[in-house]
Amino acid sequence: MSPVERKRKNIESKKSGLIQYIKTLYGALIEAGMLVVAATALYAVLLYFSKMLWNVYVATDVGQYYLAAFPIHAQRTINILGRNILEFSLKMSVLAFLVCMALAVVCQLLHISRFLYLNRGMFCRIAICALPLTLLVARLAMSEFGLPEWHSAYTYSLVPTLAVFSGCFNLAEKLFPEIGDVLKRI
């Protein structure tokens, strides 16, 4: 094989690799969109159900007593459930996705996901990765949505974070190499 033919094959293989990565990226974007839509739908259904239960609870004598005895807590619940639930669900899901994806990419690049995520069962993944990620999402949700306390922000952040964290780690594994692999190629 002549040097010209070798160079042509090398260029074609690089183009083929780039095209393959673009296809992978396109598939990952579709997967990410579906993940956010599914998390939003799940969270919206949960919030609608919670709103329905809250309205039933407030209509009872015990609910009226709760409103009178704990007006601050009741008002916080009314404020959250009185919002546009679909918009709130979408914003929380997108926030959870962005936070989880950013940390998943960092963990993938620094070899951390290999130790904390990939070799664990689902319950360990939730305990080691999802619950700390929920703290970070809750902290950002406190400033974004005006949630006054940690426990309420954590509660509202838990479902979207649990819905998207696993998908984010899987997407990061598909799209980003570990930094050691990049250094070997260089």
Protein backbone atom coordinates (compact mmCIF):
# COMPACT_ATOMS: atom_id res chain seq x y z
CA MET A 1 0.00 0.00 0.00
CA SER A 2 1.41 3.36 -1.02
CA PRO A 3 1.73 6.28 1.41
CA VAL A 4 -0.98 8.18 -0.48
CA GLU A 5 -3.44 5.30 -0.10
CA ARG A 6 -2.59 4.95 3.60
CA LYS A 7 -3.18 8.67 4.14
CA ARG A 8 -6.52 8.48 2.29
CA LYS A 9 -7.63 5.51 4.42
CA ASN A 10 -6.58 7.32 7.59
CA ILE A 11 -8.66 10.38 6.60
CA GLU A 12 -11.65 8.17 5.74
CA SER A 13 -11.43 6.39 9.09
CA LYS A 14 -11.34 9.74 10.93
CA LYS A 15 -14.40 10.91 8.97
CA SER A 16 -16.13 7.66 9.78
CA GLY A 17 -15.36 8.08 13.48
CA LEU A 18 -16.68 11.65 13.44
CA ILE A 19 -19.86 10.59 11.67
CA GLN A 20 -20.34 7.80 14.19
CA TYR A 21 -19.89 10.24 17.08
CA ILE A 22 -22.39 12.67 15.54
CA LYS A 23 -24.91 9.82 15.27
CA THR A 24 -24.25 8.90 18.90
CA LEU A 25 -24.64 12.54 19.93
CA TYR A 26 -27.91 12.85 18.01
CA GLY A 27 -29.25 9.70 19.66
CA ALA A 28 -28.14 10.98 23.07
CA LEU A 29 -29.94 14.30 22.51
CA ILE A 30 -33.13 12.46 21.65
CA GLU A 31 -32.69 10.25 24.71
CA ALA A 32 -32.08 13.30 26.91
CA GLY A 33 -35.21 14.98 25.59
CA MET A 34 -37.29 11.89 26.22
CA LEU A 35 -35.80 11.60 29.71
CA VAL A 36 -36.77 15.18 30.60
CA VAL A 37 -40.26 14.76 29.13
CA ALA A 38 -40.80 11.52 31.06
CA ALA A 39 -39.52 13.07 34.30
CA THR A 40 -41.75 16.11 33.77
CA ALA A 41 -44.80 13.95 33.11
CA LEU A 42 -44.14 11.76 36.14
CA TYR A 43 -43.59 14.75 38.40
CA ALA A 44 -46.63 16.62 37.06
CA VAL A 45 -48.86 13.61 37.69
CA LEU A 46 -47.48 13.30 41.20
CA LEU A 47 -48.04 17.00 41.90
CA TYR A 48 -51.58 16.92 40.46
CA PHE A 49 -52.35 13.93 42.67
CA SER A 50 -50.85 15.77 45.66
CA LYS A 51 -52.94 18.83 44.88
CA MET A 52 -56.06 16.72 44.72
CA LEU A 53 -55.25 15.07 48.05
CA TRP A 54 -54.45 18.46 49.61
CA ASN A 55 -57.83 19.84 48.53
CA VAL A 56 -59.60 16.81 50.01
CA TYR A 57 -57.57 17.12 53.22
CA VAL A 58 -58.30 20.83 53.61
CA ALA A 59 -62.02 20.12 53.23
CA THR A 60 -61.99 17.90 56.35
CA ASP A 61 -62.16 19.08 59.96
CA VAL A 62 -58.59 17.95 60.59
CA GLY A 63 -57.46 19.91 57.54
CA GLN A 64 -59.18 23.04 58.82
CA TYR A 65 -57.45 22.54 62.18
CA TYR A 66 -54.10 22.17 60.37
CA LEU A 67 -54.70 25.41 58.48
CA ALA A 68 -55.43 27.21 61.75
CA ALA A 69 -52.67 25.59 63.82
CA PHE A 70 -49.85 25.70 61.25
CA PRO A 71 -50.58 28.62 58.92
CA ILE A 72 -46.98 29.03 57.73
CA HIS A 73 -46.59 25.40 56.66
CA ALA A 74 -50.05 25.37 55.11
CA GLN A 75 -49.31 28.56 53.17
CA ARG A 76 -46.08 27.07 51.79
CA THR A 77 -47.98 24.03 50.56
CA ILE A 78 -50.67 26.22 49.04
CA ASN A 79 -48.00 28.36 47.32
CA ILE A 80 -46.33 25.35 45.70
CA LEU A 81 -49.53 23.57 44.69
CA GLY A 82 -51.08 26.85 43.55
CA ARG A 83 -48.41 27.35 40.89
CA ASN A 84 -48.67 26.19 37.33
CA ILE A 85 -47.85 22.55 38.02
CA LEU A 86 -46.78 21.66 34.51
CA GLU A 87 -44.39 24.62 34.32
CA PHE A 88 -43.00 23.90 37.80
CA SER A 89 -42.52 20.23 36.87
CA LEU A 90 -40.74 21.13 33.67
CA LYS A 91 -38.43 23.63 35.38
CA MET A 92 -37.58 21.20 38.19
CA SER A 93 -36.94 18.37 35.72
CA VAL A 94 -34.70 20.53 33.55
CA LEU A 95 -32.82 21.80 36.62
CA ALA A 96 -32.36 18.25 37.90
CA PHE A 97 -31.23 17.09 34.45
CA LEU A 98 -28.68 19.87 34.06
CA VAL A 99 -27.21 19.35 37.54
CA CYS A 100 -27.09 15.57 37.18
CA MET A 101 -25.64 15.76 33.69
CA ALA A 102 -22.94 18.22 34.73
CA LEU A 103 -21.86 16.06 37.66
CA ALA A 104 -22.10 12.89 35.59
CA VAL A 105 -19.77 14.37 32.97
CA VAL A 106 -17.28 15.43 35.64
CA CYS A 107 -17.46 11.98 37.26
CA GLN A 108 -17.00 10.31 33.88
CA LEU A 109 -14.00 12.44 32.93
CA LEU A 110 -12.29 11.95 36.29
CA HIS A 111 -12.89 8.18 36.55
CA ILE A 112 -15.20 8.69 39.53
CA SER A 113 -18.27 7.16 37.93
CA ARG A 114 -16.38 3.90 37.50
CA PHE A 115 -16.06 3.60 41.27
CA LEU A 116 -19.23 5.28 42.52
CA TYR A 117 -21.78 4.40 39.87
CA LEU A 118 -20.96 1.67 37.37
CA ASN A 119 -20.10 -1.14 39.78
CA ARG A 120 -23.07 -0.59 42.10
CA GLY A 121 -26.60 -1.89 42.33
CA MET A 122 -29.58 0.42 42.02
CA PHE A 123 -30.03 1.01 45.76
CA CYS A 124 -26.33 1.86 46.19
CA ARG A 125 -26.50 4.17 43.18
CA ILE A 126 -29.43 5.97 44.77
CA ALA A 127 -27.71 6.21 48.15
CA ILE A 128 -24.28 7.20 46.84
CA CYS A 129 -25.19 9.34 43.83
CA ALA A 130 -28.85 10.36 43.71
CA LEU A 131 -29.37 11.56 47.27
CA PRO A 132 -26.30 13.87 47.27
CA LEU A 133 -27.31 15.11 43.81
CA THR A 134 -30.74 15.90 45.24
CA LEU A 135 -29.06 18.14 47.83
CA LEU A 136 -27.39 20.10 45.08
CA VAL A 137 -30.60 20.35 43.05
CA ALA A 138 -32.46 21.42 46.21
CA ARG A 139 -29.91 24.15 46.88
CA LEU A 140 -30.35 25.54 43.38
CA ALA A 141 -34.14 25.14 43.59
CA MET A 142 -34.19 27.17 46.80
CA SER A 143 -32.79 30.19 45.00
CA GLU A 144 -34.62 29.54 41.71
CA PHE A 145 -38.12 28.95 43.07
CA GLY A 146 -37.96 30.79 46.37
CA LEU A 147 -38.33 27.69 48.52
CA PRO A 148 -37.58 28.86 52.07
CA GLU A 149 -36.39 25.70 53.80
CA TRP A 150 -34.07 22.81 53.02
CA HIS A 151 -36.58 20.09 53.78
CA SER A 152 -39.21 21.49 51.42
CA ALA A 153 -36.66 22.11 48.66
CA TYR A 154 -35.23 18.61 49.12
CA THR A 155 -38.72 17.09 48.99
CA TYR A 156 -39.61 18.93 45.78
CA SER A 157 -36.26 18.03 44.20
CA LEU A 158 -36.27 14.33 45.05
CA VAL A 159 -38.62 12.96 42.39
CA PRO A 160 -37.12 14.77 39.36
CA THR A 161 -33.58 13.92 40.47
CA LEU A 162 -34.40 10.26 40.96
CA ALA A 163 -36.08 10.23 37.56
CA VAL A 164 -33.10 11.60 35.63
CA PHE A 165 -29.87 10.76 37.47
CA SER A 166 -29.42 7.26 36.06
CA GLY A 167 -30.06 8.41 32.50
CA CYS A 168 -27.55 11.24 32.93
CA PHE A 169 -24.81 8.87 34.05
CA ASN A 170 -25.58 6.55 31.13
CA LEU A 171 -25.49 9.47 28.65
CA ALA A 172 -22.21 10.73 30.08
CA GLU A 173 -20.72 7.26 29.70
CA LYS A 174 -21.80 7.14 26.04
CA LEU A 175 -20.66 10.62 25.09
CA PHE A 176 -17.53 11.39 27.09
CA PRO A 177 -14.31 9.42 27.47
CA GLU A 178 -12.38 9.15 30.68
CA ILE A 179 -9.51 11.59 30.87
CA GLY A 180 -7.03 8.70 30.98
CA ASP A 181 -8.20 7.49 27.57
CA VAL A 182 -7.71 10.97 26.13
CA LEU A 183 -4.22 11.23 27.59
CA LYS A 184 -3.29 7.84 26.13
CA ARG A 185 -4.31 8.96 22.65
CA ILE A 186 -2.32 12.18 22.96
